[in-house]
């Protein structure tokens, strides 16, 4: 009976951590919404909401940072697996070499900023890939023997 209670407590604690993390990220989003540098970005509210959702998926320890393992998992999920060295280079590119993990502010600046980075390009393509179906729907077209190579 106590093991079931422990699982419930763990689930509640996880929910509380996620809610607190979402509130912290929402505060950062508000900062970007009020920053003049980002006024000209089209659909900024939707983009910030998408950033928050993606960030929360890969902030594995709920500390407000995506570390090497989180970024590695992100790249695998979007179908672009990277080695540890490549992931380390991507983090250095986003943070300017100042950190071994990507904080939420750096993540947003990377995705909304003018400067291109490998991670930004991958995230943009991942978003576009989710918008269109990758395979044609329905059964394949009928073919006869004369059309075969």
C-alpha atoms as a PDB file:
ATOM      1  CA  UNK A   1       0.000   0.000   0.000  1.00  0.00           C
ATOM      2  CA  UNK A   2       2.808   2.428   0.744  1.00  0.00           C
ATOM      3  CA  UNK A   3       4.434   1.779  -2.649  1.00  0.00           C
ATOM      4  CA  UNK A   4       1.243   2.913  -4.401  1.00  0.00           C
ATOM      5  CA  UNK A   5       1.159   6.023  -2.202  1.00  0.00           C
ATOM      6  CA  UNK A   6       4.809   6.759  -3.086  1.00  0.00           C
ATOM      7  CA  UNK A   7       4.007   6.589  -6.802  1.00  0.00           C
ATOM      8  CA  UNK A   8       1.156   9.040  -6.321  1.00  0.00           C
ATOM      9  CA  UNK A   9       3.414  11.405  -4.390  1.00  0.00           C
ATOM     10  CA  UNK A  10       6.078  11.126  -7.128  1.00  0.00           C
ATOM     11  CA  UNK A  11       3.473  11.951  -9.764  1.00  0.00           C
ATOM     12  CA  UNK A  12       2.227  14.928  -7.772  1.00  0.00           C
ATOM     13  CA  UNK A  13       5.781  16.154  -7.167  1.00  0.00           C
ATOM     14  CA  UNK A  14       6.543  15.818 -10.877  1.00  0.00           C
ATOM     15  CA  UNK A  15       3.397  17.765 -11.751  1.00  0.00           C
ATOM     16  CA  UNK A  16       4.319  20.501  -9.286  1.00  0.00           C
ATOM     17  CA  UNK A  17       7.877  20.710 -10.707  1.00  0.00           C
ATOM     18  CA  UNK A  18       6.529  20.970 -14.263  1.00  0.00           C
ATOM     19  CA  UNK A  19       4.018  23.658 -13.252  1.00  0.00           C
ATOM     20  CA  UNK A  20       6.768  25.674 -11.533  1.00  0.00           C
ATOM     21  CA  UNK A  21       9.032  25.280 -14.549  1.00  0.00           C
ATOM     22  CA  UNK A  22       6.242  26.403 -16.894  1.00  0.00           C
ATOM     23  CA  UNK A  23       5.665  29.512 -14.761  1.00  0.00           C
ATOM     24  CA  UNK A  24       9.397  30.386 -14.862  1.00  0.00           C
ATOM     25  CA  UNK A  25       9.502  29.940 -18.637  1.00  0.00           C
ATOM     26  CA  UNK A  26       6.318  31.987 -19.043  1.00  0.00           C
ATOM     27  CA  UNK A  27       8.003  34.865 -17.167  1.00  0.00           C
ATOM     28  CA  UNK A  28      10.908  34.735 -19.637  1.00  0.00           C
ATOM     29  CA  UNK A  29       8.405  34.715 -22.534  1.00  0.00           C
ATOM     30  CA  UNK A  30       6.830  37.903 -21.132  1.00  0.00           C
ATOM     31  CA  UNK A  31      10.270  39.543 -21.122  1.00  0.00           C
ATOM     32  CA  UNK A  32      10.691  38.743 -24.813  1.00  0.00           C
ATOM     33  CA  UNK A  33       7.169  39.965 -25.622  1.00  0.00           C
ATOM     34  CA  UNK A  34       7.971  43.348 -24.075  1.00  0.00           C
ATOM     35  CA  UNK A  35      11.445  43.619 -25.663  1.00  0.00           C
ATOM     36  CA  UNK A  36      11.528  46.098 -28.577  1.00  0.00           C
ATOM     37  CA  UNK A  37      14.076  43.986 -30.464  1.00  0.00           C
ATOM     38  CA  UNK A  38      11.419  41.311 -31.038  1.00  0.00           C
ATOM     39  CA  UNK A  39       8.400  43.521 -31.936  1.00  0.00           C
ATOM     40  CA  UNK A  40       8.794  42.878 -35.681  1.00  0.00           C
ATOM     41  CA  UNK A  41       8.675  39.075 -35.381  1.00  0.00           C
ATOM     42  CA  UNK A  42       5.523  37.663 -36.905  1.00  0.00           C
ATOM     43  CA  UNK A  43       3.396  35.392 -34.642  1.00  0.00           C
ATOM     44  CA  UNK A  44       5.815  35.865 -31.742  1.00  0.00           C
ATOM     45  CA  UNK A  45       3.332  34.645 -29.113  1.00  0.00           C
ATOM     46  CA  UNK A  46       2.813  31.316 -30.923  1.00  0.00           C
ATOM     47  CA  UNK A  47       6.561  30.968 -31.500  1.00  0.00           C
ATOM     48  CA  UNK A  48       7.321  31.566 -27.830  1.00  0.00           C
ATOM     49  CA  UNK A  49       4.661  29.029 -26.811  1.00  0.00           C
ATOM     50  CA  UNK A  50       6.215  26.483 -29.194  1.00  0.00           C
ATOM     51  CA  UNK A  51       9.695  27.247 -27.783  1.00  0.00           C
ATOM     52  CA  UNK A  52       8.409  26.713 -24.250  1.00  0.00           C
ATOM     53  CA  UNK A  53       6.815  23.384 -25.134  1.00  0.00           C
ATOM     54  CA  UNK A  54       9.920  22.075 -26.922  1.00  0.00           C
ATOM     55  CA  UNK A  55      12.201  23.279 -24.150  1.00  0.00           C
ATOM     56  CA  UNK A  56      10.119  21.588 -21.432  1.00  0.00           C
ATOM     57  CA  UNK A  57      10.196  18.286 -23.344  1.00  0.00           C
ATOM     58  CA  UNK A  58      13.974  18.163 -23.270  1.00  0.00           C
ATOM     59  CA  UNK A  59      14.841  19.835 -19.961  1.00  0.00           C
ATOM     60  CA  UNK A  60      15.401  16.407 -18.421  1.00  0.00           C
ATOM     61  CA  UNK A  61      16.183  17.542 -14.871  1.00  0.00           C
ATOM     62  CA  UNK A  62      13.641  20.428 -14.753  1.00  0.00           C
ATOM     63  CA  UNK A  63      16.430  22.855 -13.838  1.00  0.00           C
ATOM     64  CA  UNK A  64      15.750  25.277 -16.688  1.00  0.00           C
ATOM     65  CA  UNK A  65      18.575  24.027 -18.907  1.00  0.00           C
ATOM     66  CA  UNK A  66      18.974  21.557 -21.754  1.00  0.00           C
ATOM     67  CA  UNK A  67      22.166  19.622 -21.156  1.00  0.00           C
ATOM     68  CA  UNK A  68      24.073  17.356 -23.535  1.00  0.00           C
ATOM     69  CA  UNK A  69      21.808  14.354 -22.954  1.00  0.00           C
ATOM     70  CA  UNK A  70      18.646  16.431 -23.427  1.00  0.00           C
ATOM     71  CA  UNK A  71      19.960  17.906 -26.680  1.00  0.00           C
ATOM     72  CA  UNK A  72      21.108  14.487 -27.853  1.00  0.00           C
ATOM     73  CA  UNK A  73      17.598  13.111 -27.217  1.00  0.00           C
ATOM     74  CA  UNK A  74      16.070  16.099 -29.026  1.00  0.00           C
ATOM     75  CA  UNK A  75      18.211  15.472 -32.106  1.00  0.00           C
ATOM     76  CA  UNK A  76      17.339  11.759 -32.085  1.00  0.00           C
ATOM     77  CA  UNK A  77      13.627  12.562 -31.796  1.00  0.00           C
ATOM     78  CA  UNK A  78      13.710  14.871 -34.819  1.00  0.00           C
ATOM     79  CA  UNK A  79      15.589  12.202 -36.782  1.00  0.00           C
ATOM     80  CA  UNK A  80      19.003  13.881 -36.834  1.00  0.00           C
ATOM     81  CA  UNK A  81      21.101  11.918 -34.335  1.00  0.00           C
ATOM     82  CA  UNK A  82      24.364  13.581 -33.336  1.00  0.00           C
ATOM     83  CA  UNK A  83      27.526  12.386 -31.621  1.00  0.00           C
ATOM     84  CA  UNK A  84      28.521  13.768 -28.218  1.00  0.00           C
ATOM     85  CA  UNK A  85      31.141  15.969 -29.892  1.00  0.00           C
ATOM     86  CA  UNK A  86      28.579  17.388 -32.352  1.00  0.00           C
ATOM     87  CA  UNK A  87      26.135  18.056 -29.497  1.00  0.00           C
ATOM     88  CA  UNK A  88      28.884  19.772 -27.521  1.00  0.00           C
ATOM     89  CA  UNK A  89      29.658  21.995 -30.538  1.00  0.00           C
ATOM     90  CA  UNK A  90      25.965  22.863 -30.954  1.00  0.00           C
ATOM     91  CA  UNK A  91      25.717  23.903 -27.299  1.00  0.00           C
ATOM     92  CA  UNK A  92      28.884  26.008 -27.605  1.00  0.00           C
ATOM     93  CA  UNK A  93      27.463  27.654 -30.734  1.00  0.00           C
ATOM     94  CA  UNK A  94      24.228  28.594 -28.957  1.00  0.00           C
ATOM     95  CA  UNK A  95      25.820  29.715 -25.672  1.00  0.00           C
ATOM     96  CA  UNK A  96      28.933  31.312 -27.135  1.00  0.00           C
ATOM     97  CA  UNK A  97      31.033  28.706 -25.335  1.00  0.00           C
ATOM     98  CA  UNK A  98      30.034  30.057 -21.926  1.00  0.00           C
ATOM     99  CA  UNK A  99      28.114  27.014 -20.712  1.00  0.00           C
ATOM    100  CA  UNK A 100      27.760  23.254 -21.062  1.00  0.00           C
ATOM    101  CA  UNK A 101      23.973  23.534 -21.235  1.00  0.00           C
ATOM    102  CA  UNK A 102      21.429  25.756 -22.979  1.00  0.00           C
ATOM    103  CA  UNK A 103      19.289  27.976 -20.769  1.00  0.00           C
ATOM    104  CA  UNK A 104      15.810  28.997 -21.916  1.00  0.00           C
ATOM    105  CA  UNK A 105      16.846  32.580 -22.770  1.00  0.00           C
ATOM    106  CA  UNK A 106      19.644  31.306 -25.044  1.00  0.00           C
ATOM    107  CA  UNK A 107      17.209  28.812 -26.598  1.00  0.00           C
ATOM    108  CA  UNK A 108      14.737  31.600 -27.464  1.00  0.00           C
ATOM    109  CA  UNK A 109      17.448  33.969 -28.699  1.00  0.00           C
ATOM    110  CA  UNK A 110      18.739  31.201 -30.956  1.00  0.00           C
ATOM    111  CA  UNK A 111      15.311  30.407 -32.415  1.00  0.00           C
ATOM    112  CA  UNK A 112      14.105  34.011 -32.773  1.00  0.00           C
ATOM    113  CA  UNK A 113      17.411  35.664 -33.593  1.00  0.00           C
ATOM    114  CA  UNK A 114      18.757  36.628 -36.985  1.00  0.00           C
ATOM    115  CA  UNK A 115      21.891  34.516 -36.667  1.00  0.00           C
ATOM    116  CA  UNK A 116      21.621  30.998 -38.012  1.00  0.00           C
ATOM    117  CA  UNK A 117      22.877  27.969 -36.146  1.00  0.00           C
ATOM    118  CA  UNK A 118      22.762  24.254 -36.806  1.00  0.00           C
ATOM    119  CA  UNK A 119      20.253  23.750 -33.999  1.00  0.00           C
ATOM    120  CA  UNK A 120      18.008  26.548 -35.306  1.00  0.00           C
ATOM    121  CA  UNK A 121      17.984  25.050 -38.804  1.00  0.00           C
ATOM    122  CA  UNK A 122      17.152  21.587 -37.460  1.00  0.00           C
ATOM    123  CA  UNK A 123      14.348  22.958 -35.260  1.00  0.00           C
ATOM    124  CA  UNK A 124      12.882  24.889 -38.205  1.00  0.00           C
ATOM    125  CA  UNK A 125      12.904  21.805 -40.428  1.00  0.00           C
ATOM    126  CA  UNK A 126      11.428  19.706 -37.638  1.00  0.00           C
ATOM    127  CA  UNK A 127       8.541  22.172 -37.375  1.00  0.00           C
ATOM    128  CA  UNK A 128       7.963  22.110 -41.131  1.00  0.00           C
ATOM    129  CA  UNK A 129       8.142  18.314 -41.225  1.00  0.00           C
ATOM    130  CA  UNK A 130       5.356  18.120 -38.649  1.00  0.00           C
ATOM    131  CA  UNK A 131       3.120  20.331 -40.809  1.00  0.00           C
ATOM    132  CA  UNK A 132       3.120  18.146 -43.931  1.00  0.00           C
ATOM    133  CA  UNK A 133       2.635  14.389 -44.169  1.00  0.00           C
ATOM    134  CA  UNK A 134       5.827  12.561 -45.052  1.00  0.00           C
ATOM    135  CA  UNK A 135       4.126   9.701 -46.934  1.00  0.00           C
ATOM    136  CA  UNK A 136       1.295   9.879 -49.430  1.00  0.00           C
ATOM    137  CA  UNK A 137      -2.030   8.797 -47.992  1.00  0.00           C
ATOM    138  CA  UNK A 138      -3.976   5.859 -49.365  1.00  0.00           C
ATOM    139  CA  UNK A 139      -3.005   2.760 -51.311  1.00  0.00           C
ATOM    140  CA  UNK A 140      -0.306   2.904 -53.987  1.00  0.00           C
ATOM    141  CA  UNK A 141      -1.479   3.480 -57.572  1.00  0.00           C
ATOM    142  CA  UNK A 142      -2.239   0.413 -59.704  1.00  0.00           C
ATOM    143  CA  UNK A 143       0.460  -0.553 -62.159  1.00  0.00           C
ATOM    144  CA  UNK A 144       0.554  -2.984 -65.028  1.00  0.00           C
ATOM    145  CA  UNK A 145       3.470  -5.084 -66.245  1.00  0.00           C
ATOM    146  CA  UNK A 146       4.351  -2.710 -69.101  1.00  0.00           C
ATOM    147  CA  UNK A 147       5.070   0.153 -66.629  1.00  0.00           C
ATOM    148  CA  UNK A 148       7.653  -1.842 -64.666  1.00  0.00           C
ATOM    149  CA  UNK A 149      11.367  -1.148 -65.347  1.00  0.00           C
END
